[in-house]
Amino acid sequence: IPPADLARMYDSPKAYDDDYATAADAAIDAKFVLKDDREALIAEAQPD
């Protein structure tokens, strides 16, 4: 996604990280991702 579009989608790297973590926890709560894999899933975030 172009950087300009990402800037409109997320106010900051922290805002992105928060959205990503919320989505990860939603997938875990729905049982489509294992809690054991949360750390590995979070590690795939790209706030940079």
ModelCIF file with pLDDT and N, C-alpha, C, O atoms, coordinates in Angstrom:
data_MODEL
#
_entry.id   MODEL 
#
_entity.id                         1 
_entity.type                       polymer 
_entity.pdbx_number_of_molecules   1 
#
_entity_poly.entity_id                      1 
_entity_poly.type                           'polypeptide(L)' 
_entity_poly.nstd_linkage                   no 
_entity_poly.nstd_monomer                   no 
_entity_poly.pdbx_seq_one_letter_code       IPPADLARMYDSPKAYDDDYATAADAAIDAKFVLKDDREALIAEAQPD 
_entity_poly.pdbx_seq_one_letter_code_can   IPPADLARMYDSPKAYDDDYATAADAAIDAKFVLKDDREALIAEAQPD 
_entity_poly.pdbx_strand_id                 A 
#
loop_
_entity_poly_seq.entity_id 
_entity_poly_seq.num 
_entity_poly_seq.mon_id 
_entity_poly_seq.hetero 
1 1  ILE n 
1 2  PRO n 
1 3  PRO n 
1 4  ALA n 
1 5  ASP n 
1 6  LEU n 
1 7  ALA n 
1 8  ARG n 
1 9  MET n 
1 10 TYR n 
1 11 ASP n 
1 12 SER n 
1 13 PRO n 
1 14 LYS n 
1 15 ALA n 
1 16 TYR n 
1 17 ASP n 
1 18 ASP n 
1 19 ASP n 
1 20 TYR n 
1 21 ALA n 
1 22 THR n 
1 23 ALA n 
1 24 ALA n 
1 25 ASP n 
1 26 ALA n 
1 27 ALA n 
1 28 ILE n 
1 29 ASP n 
1 30 ALA n 
1 31 LYS n 
1 32 PHE n 
1 33 VAL n 
1 34 LEU n 
1 35 LYS n 
1 36 ASP n 
1 37 ASP n 
1 38 ARG n 
1 39 GLU n 
1 40 ALA n 
1 41 LEU n 
1 42 ILE n 
1 43 ALA n 
1 44 GLU n 
1 45 ALA n 
1 46 GLN n 
1 47 PRO n 
1 48 ASP n 
#
_struct_asym.id          A 
_struct_asym.entity_id   1 
#
loop_
_ma_qa_metric.id 
_ma_qa_metric.mode 
_ma_qa_metric.name 
_ma_qa_metric.software_group_id 
_ma_qa_metric.type 
1 global pLDDT . pLDDT 
2 local  pLDDT . pLDDT 
#
_ma_qa_metric_global.metric_id      1 
_ma_qa_metric_global.metric_value   97.77 
_ma_qa_metric_global.model_id       1 
_ma_qa_metric_global.ordinal_id     1 
#
loop_
_ma_qa_metric_local.label_asym_id 
_ma_qa_metric_local.label_comp_id 
_ma_qa_metric_local.label_seq_id 
_ma_qa_metric_local.metric_id 
_ma_qa_metric_local.metric_value 
_ma_qa_metric_local.model_id 
_ma_qa_metric_local.ordinal_id 
A ILE 1  2 98.00 1 1  
A PRO 2  2 97.00 1 2  
A PRO 3  2 97.00 1 3  
A ALA 4  2 97.00 1 4  
A ASP 5  2 97.00 1 5  
A LEU 6  2 98.00 1 6  
A ALA 7  2 97.00 1 7  
A ARG 8  2 97.00 1 8  
A MET 9  2 97.00 1 9  
A TYR 10 2 98.00 1 10 
A ASP 11 2 96.00 1 11 
A SER 12 2 97.00 1 12 
A PRO 13 2 98.00 1 13 
A LYS 14 2 98.00 1 14 
A ALA 15 2 98.00 1 15 
A TYR 16 2 98.00 1 16 
A ASP 17 2 98.00 1 17 
A ASP 18 2 98.00 1 18 
A ASP 19 2 98.00 1 19 
A TYR 20 2 98.00 1 20 
A ALA 21 2 98.00 1 21 
A THR 22 2 98.00 1 22 
A ALA 23 2 98.00 1 23 
A ALA 24 2 98.00 1 24 
A ASP 25 2 98.00 1 25 
A ALA 26 2 98.00 1 26 
A ALA 27 2 98.00 1 27 
A ILE 28 2 98.00 1 28 
A ASP 29 2 98.00 1 29 
A ALA 30 2 98.00 1 30 
A LYS 31 2 98.00 1 31 
A PHE 32 2 98.00 1 32 
A VAL 33 2 98.00 1 33 
A LEU 34 2 98.00 1 34 
A LYS 35 2 98.00 1 35 
A ASP 36 2 98.00 1 36 
A ASP 37 2 98.00 1 37 
A ARG 38 2 98.00 1 38 
A GLU 39 2 98.00 1 39 
A ALA 40 2 98.00 1 40 
A LEU 41 2 98.00 1 41 
A ILE 42 2 98.00 1 42 
A ALA 43 2 98.00 1 43 
A GLU 44 2 98.00 1 44 
A ALA 45 2 98.00 1 45 
A GLN 46 2 98.00 1 46 
A PRO 47 2 98.00 1 47 
A ASP 48 2 97.00 1 48 
#
loop_
_atom_site.group_PDB 
_atom_site.id 
_atom_site.type_symbol 
_atom_site.label_atom_id 
_atom_site.label_alt_id 
_atom_site.label_comp_id 
_atom_site.label_asym_id 
_atom_site.label_entity_id 
_atom_site.label_seq_id 
_atom_site.pdbx_PDB_ins_code 
_atom_site.Cartn_x 
_atom_site.Cartn_y 
_atom_site.Cartn_z 
_atom_site.occupancy 
_atom_site.B_iso_or_equiv 
_atom_site.pdbx_formal_charge 
_atom_site.auth_seq_id 
_atom_site.auth_comp_id 
_atom_site.auth_asym_id 
_atom_site.auth_atom_id 
_atom_site.pdbx_PDB_model_num 
ATOM 1   N N  . ILE A 1 1  ? 0.861   -1.178  0.000  1.00 98.00 ? 1  ILE A N  1 
ATOM 2   C CA . ILE A 1 1  ? 0.000   0.000   0.000  1.00 98.00 ? 1  ILE A CA 1 
ATOM 3   C C  . ILE A 1 1  ? 0.899   1.231   0.000  1.00 98.00 ? 1  ILE A C  1 
ATOM 4   O O  . ILE A 1 1  ? 1.838   1.296   0.793  1.00 98.00 ? 1  ILE A O  1 
ATOM 5   N N  . PRO A 1 2  ? 0.641   2.201   -0.862 1.00 97.00 ? 2  PRO A N  1 
ATOM 6   C CA . PRO A 1 2  ? 1.518   3.377   -0.945 1.00 97.00 ? 2  PRO A CA 1 
ATOM 7   C C  . PRO A 1 2  ? 1.657   4.081   0.406  1.00 97.00 ? 2  PRO A C  1 
ATOM 8   O O  . PRO A 1 2  ? 0.695   4.143   1.172  1.00 97.00 ? 2  PRO A O  1 
ATOM 9   N N  . PRO A 1 3  ? 2.853   4.613   0.704  1.00 97.00 ? 3  PRO A N  1 
ATOM 10  C CA . PRO A 1 3  ? 3.081   5.276   1.993  1.00 97.00 ? 3  PRO A CA 1 
ATOM 11  C C  . PRO A 1 3  ? 2.073   6.382   2.298  1.00 97.00 ? 3  PRO A C  1 
ATOM 12  O O  . PRO A 1 3  ? 1.666   6.545   3.449  1.00 97.00 ? 3  PRO A O  1 
ATOM 13  N N  . ALA A 1 4  ? 1.671   7.133   1.293  1.00 97.00 ? 4  ALA A N  1 
ATOM 14  C CA . ALA A 1 4  ? 0.703   8.201   1.539  1.00 97.00 ? 4  ALA A CA 1 
ATOM 15  C C  . ALA A 1 4  ? -0.633  7.635   2.008  1.00 97.00 ? 4  ALA A C  1 
ATOM 16  O O  . ALA A 1 4  ? -1.287  8.214   2.875  1.00 97.00 ? 4  ALA A O  1 
ATOM 17  N N  . ASP A 1 5  ? -1.033  6.517   1.440  1.00 97.00 ? 5  ASP A N  1 
ATOM 18  C CA . ASP A 1 5  ? -2.278  5.882   1.873  1.00 97.00 ? 5  ASP A CA 1 
ATOM 19  C C  . ASP A 1 5  ? -2.146  5.319   3.284  1.00 97.00 ? 5  ASP A C  1 
ATOM 20  O O  . ASP A 1 5  ? -3.077  5.406   4.085  1.00 97.00 ? 5  ASP A O  1 
ATOM 21  N N  . LEU A 1 6  ? -0.990  4.743   3.581  1.00 98.00 ? 6  LEU A N  1 
ATOM 22  C CA . LEU A 1 6  ? -0.768  4.225   4.940  1.00 98.00 ? 6  LEU A CA 1 
ATOM 23  C C  . LEU A 1 6  ? -0.828  5.356   5.957  1.00 98.00 ? 6  LEU A C  1 
ATOM 24  O O  . LEU A 1 6  ? -1.347  5.180   7.060  1.00 98.00 ? 6  LEU A O  1 
ATOM 25  N N  . ALA A 1 7  ? -0.293  6.524   5.583  1.00 97.00 ? 7  ALA A N  1 
ATOM 26  C CA . ALA A 1 7  ? -0.322  7.668   6.501  1.00 97.00 ? 7  ALA A CA 1 
ATOM 27  C C  . ALA A 1 7  ? -1.748  8.113   6.779  1.00 97.00 ? 7  ALA A C  1 
ATOM 28  O O  . ALA A 1 7  ? -2.051  8.580   7.877  1.00 97.00 ? 7  ALA A O  1 
ATOM 29  N N  . ARG A 1 8  ? -2.627  7.972   5.792  1.00 97.00 ? 8  ARG A N  1 
ATOM 30  C CA . ARG A 1 8  ? -4.031  8.317   6.016  1.00 97.00 ? 8  ARG A CA 1 
ATOM 31  C C  . ARG A 1 8  ? -4.745  7.243   6.850  1.00 97.00 ? 8  ARG A C  1 
ATOM 32  O O  . ARG A 1 8  ? -5.686  7.549   7.583  1.00 97.00 ? 8  ARG A O  1 
ATOM 33  N N  . MET A 1 9  ? -4.305  6.008   6.740  1.00 97.00 ? 9  MET A N  1 
ATOM 34  C CA . MET A 1 9  ? -4.936  4.912   7.467  1.00 97.00 ? 9  MET A CA 1 
ATOM 35  C C  . MET A 1 9  ? -4.525  4.865   8.936  1.00 97.00 ? 9  MET A C  1 
ATOM 36  O O  . MET A 1 9  ? -5.325  4.498   9.796  1.00 97.00 ? 9  MET A O  1 
ATOM 37  N N  . TYR A 1 10 ? -3.265  5.241   9.225  1.00 98.00 ? 10 TYR A N  1 
ATOM 38  C CA . TYR A 1 10 ? -2.724  5.128   10.574 1.00 98.00 ? 10 TYR A CA 1 
ATOM 39  C C  . TYR A 1 10 ? -2.052  6.451   10.953 1.00 98.00 ? 10 TYR A C  1 
ATOM 40  O O  . TYR A 1 10 ? -1.209  6.960   10.215 1.00 98.00 ? 10 TYR A O  1 
ATOM 41  N N  . ASP A 1 11 ? -2.432  6.999   12.110 1.00 96.00 ? 11 ASP A N  1 
ATOM 42  C CA . ASP A 1 11 ? -1.852  8.267   12.562 1.00 96.00 ? 11 ASP A CA 1 
ATOM 43  C C  . ASP A 1 11 ? -0.389  8.150   12.918 1.00 96.00 ? 11 ASP A C  1 
ATOM 44  O O  . ASP A 1 11 ? 0.358   9.124   12.826 1.00 96.00 ? 11 ASP A O  1 
ATOM 45  N N  . SER A 1 12 ? 0.028   6.951   13.328 1.00 97.00 ? 12 SER A N  1 
ATOM 46  C CA . SER A 1 12 ? 1.385   6.768   13.819 1.00 97.00 ? 12 SER A CA 1 
ATOM 47  C C  . SER A 1 12 ? 1.706   5.278   13.812 1.00 97.00 ? 12 SER A C  1 
ATOM 48  O O  . SER A 1 12 ? 0.798   4.457   13.677 1.00 97.00 ? 12 SER A O  1 
ATOM 49  N N  . PRO A 1 13 ? 2.984   4.910   13.954 1.00 98.00 ? 13 PRO A N  1 
ATOM 50  C CA . PRO A 1 13 ? 3.310   3.494   14.108 1.00 98.00 ? 13 PRO A CA 1 
ATOM 51  C C  . PRO A 1 13 ? 2.584   2.852   15.280 1.00 98.00 ? 13 PRO A C  1 
ATOM 52  O O  . PRO A 1 13 ? 2.180   1.692   15.205 1.00 98.00 ? 13 PRO A O  1 
ATOM 53  N N  . LYS A 1 14 ? 2.414   3.614   16.376 1.00 98.00 ? 14 LYS A N  1 
ATOM 54  C CA . LYS A 1 14 ? 1.703   3.055   17.524 1.00 98.00 ? 14 LYS A CA 1 
ATOM 55  C C  . LYS A 1 14 ? 0.244   2.768   17.182 1.00 98.00 ? 14 LYS A C  1 
ATOM 56  O O  . LYS A 1 14 ? -0.300  1.748   17.603 1.00 98.00 ? 14 LYS A O  1 
ATOM 57  N N  . ALA A 1 15 ? -0.394  3.659   16.421 1.00 98.00 ? 15 ALA A N  1 
ATOM 58  C CA . ALA A 1 15 ? -1.788  3.424   16.030 1.00 98.00 ? 15 ALA A CA 1 
ATOM 59  C C  . ALA A 1 15 ? -1.900  2.149   15.203 1.00 98.00 ? 15 ALA A C  1 
ATOM 60  O O  . ALA A 1 15 ? -2.834  1.365   15.370 1.00 98.00 ? 15 ALA A O  1 
ATOM 61  N N  . TYR A 1 16 ? -0.932  1.953   14.305 1.00 98.00 ? 16 TYR A N  1 
ATOM 62  C CA . TYR A 1 16 ? -0.914  0.711   13.524 1.00 98.00 ? 16 TYR A CA 1 
ATOM 63  C C  . TYR A 1 16 ? -0.708  -0.498  14.426 1.00 98.00 ? 16 TYR A C  1 
ATOM 64  O O  . TYR A 1 16 ? -1.427  -1.491  14.314 1.00 98.00 ? 16 TYR A O  1 
ATOM 65  N N  . ASP A 1 17 ? 0.278   -0.414  15.326 1.00 98.00 ? 17 ASP A N  1 
ATOM 66  C CA . ASP A 1 17 ? 0.544   -1.527  16.238 1.00 98.00 ? 17 ASP A CA 1 
ATOM 67  C C  . ASP A 1 17 ? -0.698  -1.877  17.060 1.00 98.00 ? 17 ASP A C  1 
ATOM 68  O O  . ASP A 1 17 ? -1.001  -3.050  17.278 1.00 98.00 ? 17 ASP A O  1 
ATOM 69  N N  . ASP A 1 18 ? -1.400  -0.858  17.506 1.00 98.00 ? 18 ASP A N  1 
ATOM 70  C CA . ASP A 1 18 ? -2.609  -1.099  18.295 1.00 98.00 ? 18 ASP A CA 1 
ATOM 71  C C  . ASP A 1 18 ? -3.662  -1.812  17.464 1.00 98.00 ? 18 ASP A C  1 
ATOM 72  O O  . ASP A 1 18 ? -4.288  -2.761  17.935 1.00 98.00 ? 18 ASP A O  1 
ATOM 73  N N  . ASP A 1 19 ? -3.865  -1.358  16.219 1.00 98.00 ? 19 ASP A N  1 
ATOM 74  C CA . ASP A 1 19 ? -4.851  -2.001  15.340 1.00 98.00 ? 19 ASP A CA 1 
ATOM 75  C C  . ASP A 1 19 ? -4.450  -3.443  15.048 1.00 98.00 ? 19 ASP A C  1 
ATOM 76  O O  . ASP A 1 19 ? -5.289  -4.344  15.031 1.00 98.00 ? 19 ASP A O  1 
ATOM 77  N N  . TYR A 1 20 ? -3.158  -3.644  14.820 1.00 98.00 ? 20 TYR A N  1 
ATOM 78  C CA . TYR A 1 20 ? -2.672  -4.990  14.504 1.00 98.00 ? 20 TYR A CA 1 
ATOM 79  C C  . TYR A 1 20 ? -2.874  -5.917  15.704 1.00 98.00 ? 20 TYR A C  1 
ATOM 80  O O  . TYR A 1 20 ? -3.340  -7.044  15.539 1.00 98.00 ? 20 TYR A O  1 
ATOM 81  N N  . ALA A 1 21 ? -2.533  -5.461  16.889 1.00 98.00 ? 21 ALA A N  1 
ATOM 82  C CA . ALA A 1 21 ? -2.688  -6.280  18.089 1.00 98.00 ? 21 ALA A CA 1 
ATOM 83  C C  . ALA A 1 21 ? -4.159  -6.586  18.353 1.00 98.00 ? 21 ALA A C  1 
ATOM 84  O O  . ALA A 1 21 ? -4.500  -7.698  18.758 1.00 98.00 ? 21 ALA A O  1 
ATOM 85  N N  . THR A 1 22 ? -5.022  -5.616  18.129 1.00 98.00 ? 22 THR A N  1 
ATOM 86  C CA . THR A 1 22 ? -6.462  -5.850  18.301 1.00 98.00 ? 22 THR A CA 1 
ATOM 87  C C  . THR A 1 22 ? -6.948  -6.930  17.351 1.00 98.00 ? 22 THR A C  1 
ATOM 88  O O  . THR A 1 22 ? -7.726  -7.803  17.733 1.00 98.00 ? 22 THR A O  1 
ATOM 89  N N  . ALA A 1 23 ? -6.477  -6.864  16.092 1.00 98.00 ? 23 ALA A N  1 
ATOM 90  C CA . ALA A 1 23 ? -6.870  -7.875  15.108 1.00 98.00 ? 23 ALA A CA 1 
ATOM 91  C C  . ALA A 1 23 ? -6.312  -9.243  15.477 1.00 98.00 ? 23 ALA A C  1 
ATOM 92  O O  . ALA A 1 23 ? -6.991  -10.254 15.295 1.00 98.00 ? 23 ALA A O  1 
ATOM 93  N N  . ALA A 1 24 ? -5.087  -9.293  15.991 1.00 98.00 ? 24 ALA A N  1 
ATOM 94  C CA . ALA A 1 24 ? -4.499  -10.566 16.409 1.00 98.00 ? 24 ALA A CA 1 
ATOM 95  C C  . ALA A 1 24 ? -5.311  -11.187 17.537 1.00 98.00 ? 24 ALA A C  1 
ATOM 96  O O  . ALA A 1 24 ? -5.604  -12.382 17.512 1.00 98.00 ? 24 ALA A O  1 
ATOM 97  N N  . ASP A 1 25 ? -5.672  -10.380 18.520 1.00 98.00 ? 25 ASP A N  1 
ATOM 98  C CA . ASP A 1 25 ? -6.440  -10.900 19.646 1.00 98.00 ? 25 ASP A CA 1 
ATOM 99  C C  . ASP A 1 25 ? -7.840  -11.330 19.225 1.00 98.00 ? 25 ASP A C  1 
ATOM 100 O O  . ASP A 1 25 ? -8.393  -12.282 19.775 1.00 98.00 ? 25 ASP A O  1 
ATOM 101 N N  . ALA A 1 26 ? -8.412  -10.627 18.246 1.00 98.00 ? 26 ALA A N  1 
ATOM 102 C CA . ALA A 1 26 ? -9.731  -11.039 17.735 1.00 98.00 ? 26 ALA A CA 1 
ATOM 103 C C  . ALA A 1 26 ? -9.651  -12.397 17.062 1.00 98.00 ? 26 ALA A C  1 
ATOM 104 O O  . ALA A 1 26 ? -10.545 -13.225 17.238 1.00 98.00 ? 26 ALA A O  1 
ATOM 105 N N  . ALA A 1 27 ? -8.585  -12.643 16.286 1.00 98.00 ? 27 ALA A N  1 
ATOM 106 C CA . ALA A 1 27 ? -8.417  -13.949 15.629 1.00 98.00 ? 27 ALA A CA 1 
ATOM 107 C C  . ALA A 1 27 ? -8.203  -15.051 16.656 1.00 98.00 ? 27 ALA A C  1 
ATOM 108 O O  . ALA A 1 27 ? -8.694  -16.167 16.486 1.00 98.00 ? 27 ALA A O  1 
ATOM 109 N N  . ILE A 1 28 ? -7.472  -14.741 17.722 1.00 98.00 ? 28 ILE A N  1 
ATOM 110 C CA . ILE A 1 28 ? -7.247  -15.723 18.792 1.00 98.00 ? 28 ILE A CA 1 
ATOM 111 C C  . ILE A 1 28 ? -8.550  -16.004 19.536 1.00 98.00 ? 28 ILE A C  1 
ATOM 112 O O  . ILE A 1 28 ? -8.877  -17.159 19.808 1.00 98.00 ? 28 ILE A O  1 
ATOM 113 N N  . ASP A 1 29 ? -9.293  -14.945 19.864 1.00 98.00 ? 29 ASP A N  1 
ATOM 114 C CA . ASP A 1 29 ? -10.561 -15.126 20.573 1.00 98.00 ? 29 ASP A CA 1 
ATOM 115 C C  . ASP A 1 29 ? -11.547 -15.944 19.743 1.00 98.00 ? 29 ASP A C  1 
ATOM 116 O O  . ASP A 1 29 ? -12.352 -16.700 20.288 1.00 98.00 ? 29 ASP A O  1 
ATOM 117 N N  . ALA A 1 30 ? -11.477 -15.785 18.421 1.00 98.00 ? 30 ALA A N  1 
ATOM 118 C CA . ALA A 1 30 ? -12.373 -16.526 17.526 1.00 98.00 ? 30 ALA A CA 1 
ATOM 119 C C  . ALA A 1 30 ? -11.900 -17.958 17.294 1.00 98.00 ? 30 ALA A C  1 
ATOM 120 O O  . ALA A 1 30 ? -12.605 -18.745 16.663 1.00 98.00 ? 30 ALA A O  1 
ATOM 121 N N  . LYS A 1 31 ? -10.705 -18.307 17.799 1.00 98.00 ? 31 LYS A N  1 
ATOM 122 C CA . LYS A 1 31 ? -10.120 -19.645 17.721 1.00 98.00 ? 31 LYS A CA 1 
ATOM 123 C C  . LYS A 1 31 ? -9.620  -20.007 16.324 1.00 98.00 ? 31 LYS A C  1 
ATOM 124 O O  . LYS A 1 31 ? -9.460  -21.185 16.002 1.00 98.00 ? 31 LYS A O  1 
ATOM 125 N N  . PHE A 1 32 ? -9.375  -18.995 15.504 1.00 98.00 ? 32 PHE A N  1 
ATOM 126 C CA . PHE A 1 32 ? -8.768  -19.245 14.209 1.00 98.00 ? 32 PHE A CA 1 
ATOM 127 C C  . PHE A 1 32 ? -7.246  -19.087 14.246 1.00 98.00 ? 32 PHE A C  1 
ATOM 128 O O  . PHE A 1 32 ? -6.563  -19.412 13.274 1.00 98.00 ? 32 PHE A O  1 
ATOM 129 N N  . VAL A 1 33 ? -6.722  -18.595 15.353 1.00 98.00 ? 33 VAL A N  1 
ATOM 130 C CA . VAL A 1 33 ? -5.288  -18.531 15.630 1.00 98.00 ? 33 VAL A CA 1 
ATOM 131 C C  . VAL A 1 33 ? -5.114  -18.991 17.074 1.00 98.00 ? 33 VAL A C  1 
ATOM 132 O O  . VAL A 1 33 ? -5.963  -18.719 17.923 1.00 98.00 ? 33 VAL A O  1 
ATOM 133 N N  . LEU A 1 34 ? -4.004  -19.692 17.353 1.00 98.00 ? 34 LEU A N  1 
ATOM 134 C CA . LEU A 1 34 ? -3.753  -20.197 18.688 1.00 98.00 ? 34 LEU A CA 1 
ATOM 135 C C  . LEU A 1 34 ? -3.093  -19.132 19.564 1.00 98.00 ? 34 LEU A C  1 
ATOM 136 O O  . LEU A 1 34 ? -2.266  -18.348 19.099 1.00 98.00 ? 34 LEU A O  1 
ATOM 137 N N  . LYS A 1 35 ? -3.472  -19.123 20.821 1.00 98.00 ? 35 LYS A N  1 
ATOM 138 C CA . LYS A 1 35 ? -2.830  -18.209 21.767 1.00 98.00 ? 35 LYS A CA 1 
ATOM 139 C C  . LYS A 1 35 ? -1.332  -18.459 21.826 1.00 98.00 ? 35 LYS A C  1 
ATOM 140 O O  . LYS A 1 35 ? -0.549  -17.530 22.019 1.00 98.00 ? 35 LYS A O  1 
ATOM 141 N N  . ASP A 1 36 ? -0.935  -19.716 21.660 1.00 98.00 ? 36 ASP A N  1 
ATOM 142 C CA . ASP A 1 36 ? 0.493   -20.060 21.648 1.00 98.00 ? 36 ASP A CA 1 
ATOM 143 C C  . ASP A 1 36 ? 1.257   -19.334 20.546 1.00 98.00 ? 36 ASP A C  1 
ATOM 144 O O  . ASP A 1 36 ? 2.472   -19.161 20.644 1.00 98.00 ? 36 ASP A O  1 
ATOM 145 N N  . ASP A 1 37 ? 0.558   -18.913 19.508 1.00 98.00 ? 37 ASP A N  1 
ATOM 146 C CA . ASP A 1 37 ? 1.211   -18.268 18.360 1.00 98.00 ? 37 ASP A CA 1 
ATOM 147 C C  . ASP A 1 37 ? 1.114   -16.747 18.398 1.00 98.00 ? 37 ASP A C  1 
ATOM 148 O O  . ASP A 1 37 ? 1.504   -16.080 17.440 1.00 98.00 ? 37 ASP A O  1 
ATOM 149 N N  . ARG A 1 38 ? 0.602   -16.192 19.488 1.00 98.00 ? 38 ARG A N  1 
ATOM 150 C CA . ARG A 1 38 ? 0.420   -14.743 19.525 1.00 98.00 ? 38 ARG A CA 1 
ATOM 151 C C  . ARG A 1 38 ? 1.744   -14.010 19.341 1.00 98.00 ? 38 ARG A C  1 
ATOM 152 O O  . ARG A 1 38 ? 1.821   -13.060 18.562 1.00 98.00 ? 38 ARG A O  1 
ATOM 153 N N  . GLU A 1 39 ? 2.780   -14.437 20.045 1.00 98.00 ? 39 GLU A N  1 
ATOM 154 C CA . GLU A 1 39 ? 4.065   -13.741 19.948 1.00 98.00 ? 39 GLU A CA 1 
ATOM 155 C C  . GLU A 1 39 ? 4.586   -13.764 18.513 1.00 98.00 ? 39 GLU A C  1 
ATOM 156 O O  . GLU A 1 39 ? 5.059   -12.745 18.011 1.00 98.00 ? 39 GLU A O  1 
ATOM 157 N N  . ALA A 1 40 ? 4.506   -14.906 17.857 1.00 98.00 ? 40 ALA A N  1 
ATOM 158 C CA . ALA A 1 40 ? 4.981   -15.003 16.473 1.00 98.00 ? 40 ALA A CA 1 
ATOM 159 C C  . ALA A 1 40 ? 4.120   -14.168 15.543 1.00 98.00 ? 40 ALA A C  1 
ATOM 160 O O  . ALA A 1 40 ? 4.628   -13.564 14.599 1.00 98.00 ? 40 ALA A O  1 
ATOM 161 N N  . LEU A 1 41 ? 2.820   -14.129 15.802 1.00 98.00 ? 41 LEU A N  1 
ATOM 162 C CA . LEU A 1 41 ? 1.931   -13.333 14.958 1.00 98.00 ? 41 LEU A CA 1 
ATOM 163 C C  . LEU A 1 41 ? 2.226   -11.845 15.125 1.00 98.00 ? 41 LEU A C  1 
ATOM 164 O O  . LEU A 1 41 ? 2.302   -11.112 14.139 1.00 98.00 ? 41 LEU A O  1 
ATOM 165 N N  . ILE A 1 42 ? 2.392   -11.398 16.369 1.00 98.00 ? 42 ILE A N  1 
ATOM 166 C CA . ILE A 1 42 ? 2.702   -9.990  16.618 1.00 98.00 ? 42 ILE A CA 1 
ATOM 167 C C  . ILE A 1 42 ? 4.037   -9.610  15.986 1.00 98.00 ? 42 ILE A C  1 
ATOM 168 O O  . ILE A 1 42 ? 4.219   -8.477  15.539 1.00 98.00 ? 42 ILE A O  1 
ATOM 169 N N  . ALA A 1 43 ? 4.962   -10.556 15.950 1.00 98.00 ? 43 ALA A N  1 
ATOM 170 C CA . ALA A 1 43 ? 6.287   -10.276 15.369 1.00 98.00 ? 43 ALA A CA 1 
ATOM 171 C C  . ALA A 1 43 ? 6.205   -9.978  13.879 1.00 98.00 ? 43 ALA A C  1 
ATOM 172 O O  . ALA A 1 43 ? 7.148   -9.426  13.313 1.00 98.00 ? 43 ALA A O  1 
ATOM 173 N N  . GLU A 1 44 ? 5.100   -10.330 13.230 1.00 98.00 ? 44 GLU A N  1 
ATOM 174 C CA . GLU A 1 44 ? 4.963   -10.050 11.799 1.00 98.00 ? 44 GLU A CA 1 
ATOM 175 C C  . GLU A 1 44 ? 4.429   -8.648  11.509 1.00 98.00 ? 44 GLU A C  1 
ATOM 176 O O  . GLU A 1 44 ? 4.312   -8.261  10.346 1.00 98.00 ? 44 GLU A O  1 
ATOM 177 N N  . ALA A 1 45 ? 4.107   -7.887  12.549 1.00 98.00 ? 45 ALA A N  1 
ATOM 178 C CA . ALA A 1 45 ? 3.691   -6.493  12.340 1.00 98.00 ? 45 ALA A CA 1 
ATOM 179 C C  . ALA A 1 45 ? 4.844   -5.695  11.733 1.00 98.00 ? 45 ALA A C  1 
ATOM 180 O O  . ALA A 1 45 ? 6.013   -6.015  11.948 1.00 98.00 ? 45 ALA A O  1 
ATOM 181 N N  . GLN A 1 46 ? 4.503   -4.653  10.973 1.00 98.00 ? 46 GLN A N  1 
ATOM 182 C CA . GLN A 1 46 ? 5.524   -3.859  10.275 1.00 98.00 ? 46 GLN A CA 1 
ATOM 183 C C  . GLN A 1 46 ? 5.337   -2.364  10.558 1.00 98.00 ? 46 GLN A C  1 
ATOM 184 O O  . GLN A 1 46 ? 5.039   -1.602  9.639  1.00 98.00 ? 46 GLN A O  1 
ATOM 185 N N  . PRO A 1 47 ? 5.508   -1.938  11.805 1.00 98.00 ? 47 PRO A N  1 
ATOM 186 C CA . PRO A 1 47 ? 5.307   -0.523  12.126 1.00 98.00 ? 47 PRO A CA 1 
ATOM 187 C C  . PRO A 1 47 ? 6.293   0.403   11.435 1.00 98.00 ? 47 PRO A C  1 
ATOM 188 O O  . PRO A 1 47 ? 6.033   1.599   11.298 1.00 98.00 ? 47 PRO A O  1 
ATOM 189 N N  . ASP A 1 48 ? 7.437   -0.146  10.993 1.00 97.00 ? 48 ASP A N  1 
ATOM 190 C CA . ASP A 1 48 ? 8.415   0.688   10.292 1.00 97.00 ? 48 ASP A CA 1 
ATOM 191 C C  . ASP A 1 48 ? 7.895   1.169   8.952  1.00 97.00 ? 48 ASP A C  1 
ATOM 192 O O  . ASP A 1 48 ? 8.598   1.883   8.237  1.00 97.00 ? 48 ASP A O  1 
#
